[in-house]
Amino acid sequence: MPEMHFHVRWPDGQREACYSPSLVIKEHFGVGETYAVADFVARSRAALTIASARVEARYGFPCSLALGQLARIEARATALSATPDARVTVEAFEE
């Protein structure tokens, strides 16, 4: 499976390289686009769940790295929940 990283900039300016075991991320995000934190989390959840399911279909077990990445995104979003109008920018895809 072609794994990839999607690079994001959080509302506090911190950059993060996020992991996906599948290119499905490209169907949920656009480079240069900004997303409200809740929308970013929802899109991440959808894409990383699909990616993990693809790994499970192929190898017989879900992708712990994808699920771990989702947990980190959700934790980061929770920490930002008090910031009104916070947005996440997708800066790049790296295959």
Protein backbone atom coordinates (compact mmCIF):
# COMPACT_ATOMS: atom_id res chain seq x y z
CA MET A 1 0.00 0.00 0.00
CA PRO A 2 1.33 3.46 -0.78
CA GLU A 3 1.83 5.27 2.49
CA MET A 4 2.07 9.03 2.70
CA HIS A 5 2.44 11.99 5.01
CA PHE A 6 0.23 15.06 4.99
CA HIS A 7 1.82 18.15 6.46
CA VAL A 8 -0.38 20.48 8.48
CA ARG A 9 -0.04 23.77 10.32
CA TRP A 10 -2.07 24.01 13.49
CA PRO A 11 -3.69 27.30 14.62
CA ASP A 12 -0.81 27.96 17.04
CA GLY A 13 1.64 27.85 14.11
CA GLN A 14 3.10 24.45 14.97
CA ARG A 15 3.68 22.20 11.97
CA GLU A 16 3.17 18.44 12.01
CA ALA A 17 3.79 15.65 9.52
CA CYS A 18 0.83 13.28 9.85
CA TYR A 19 0.94 9.65 8.68
CA SER A 20 -1.49 7.71 6.52
CA PRO A 21 -1.03 4.18 5.18
CA SER A 22 -3.10 5.12 2.13
CA LEU A 23 -3.44 7.92 -0.40
CA VAL A 24 -7.11 8.28 0.61
CA ILE A 25 -6.08 11.45 2.45
CA LYS A 26 -5.99 13.22 -0.91
CA GLU A 27 -9.72 12.60 -1.29
CA HIS A 28 -10.46 14.42 1.97
CA PHE A 29 -8.03 17.34 1.96
CA GLY A 30 -6.56 19.82 -0.49
CA VAL A 31 -3.08 21.31 -0.28
CA GLY A 32 -3.31 24.96 0.71
CA GLU A 33 -6.82 24.57 2.09
CA THR A 34 -7.73 25.57 5.63
CA TYR A 35 -10.30 23.76 7.72
CA ALA A 36 -12.06 24.57 10.96
CA VAL A 37 -10.58 22.32 13.64
CA ALA A 38 -13.79 20.28 14.00
CA ASP A 39 -14.00 19.80 10.23
CA PHE A 40 -10.32 18.82 10.08
CA VAL A 41 -10.88 16.22 12.80
CA ALA A 42 -13.97 14.83 11.07
CA ARG A 43 -12.17 14.58 7.72
CA SER A 44 -9.13 13.01 9.40
CA ARG A 45 -11.33 10.50 11.19
CA ALA A 46 -13.07 9.51 7.96
CA ALA A 47 -9.85 9.25 5.92
CA LEU A 48 -7.74 7.46 8.53
CA THR A 49 -10.56 5.02 9.32
CA ILE A 50 -10.82 4.15 5.63
CA ALA A 51 -7.03 3.84 5.39
CA SER A 52 -6.92 1.52 8.40
CA ALA A 53 -9.76 -0.58 6.95
CA ARG A 54 -7.82 -0.93 3.69
CA VAL A 55 -4.83 -2.25 5.63
CA GLU A 56 -7.12 -4.64 7.50
CA ALA A 57 -8.65 -5.91 4.25
CA ARG A 58 -5.21 -6.59 2.83
CA TYR A 59 -3.28 -7.84 5.87
CA GLY A 60 -5.97 -8.99 8.30
CA PHE A 61 -5.44 -6.36 10.99
CA PRO A 62 -6.15 -2.62 11.26
CA CYS A 63 -3.33 -0.10 10.96
CA SER A 64 -2.21 0.90 14.43
CA LEU A 65 -0.15 3.78 13.01
CA ALA A 66 -3.22 5.32 11.32
CA LEU A 67 -5.30 4.91 14.46
CA GLY A 68 -2.49 6.38 16.56
CA GLN A 69 -2.26 9.36 14.21
CA LEU A 70 -6.00 9.89 14.55
CA ALA A 71 -5.69 9.81 18.36
CA ARG A 72 -2.95 12.46 18.21
CA ILE A 73 -5.07 14.67 15.93
CA GLU A 74 -8.07 14.33 18.25
CA ALA A 75 -5.96 15.13 21.32
CA ARG A 76 -4.48 18.20 19.64
CA ALA A 77 -7.94 19.37 18.60
CA THR A 78 -9.24 18.96 22.14
CA ALA A 79 -6.43 21.17 23.40
CA LEU A 80 -7.47 23.82 20.86
CA SER A 81 -11.20 23.62 21.57
CA ALA A 82 -11.19 26.87 23.55
CA THR A 83 -9.75 28.81 20.60
CA PRO A 84 -12.61 30.36 18.60
CA ASP A 85 -12.38 30.15 14.81
CA ALA A 86 -9.23 28.00 15.00
CA ARG A 87 -8.24 26.58 11.61
CA VAL A 88 -5.81 23.94 10.39
CA THR A 89 -3.97 24.36 7.08
CA VAL A 90 -2.90 21.42 4.95
CA GLU A 91 0.48 22.49 3.60
CA ALA A 92 1.70 19.50 1.58
CA PHE A 93 1.36 15.84 0.66
CA GLU A 94 4.44 13.64 0.65
CA GLU A 95 4.36 10.16 -0.86
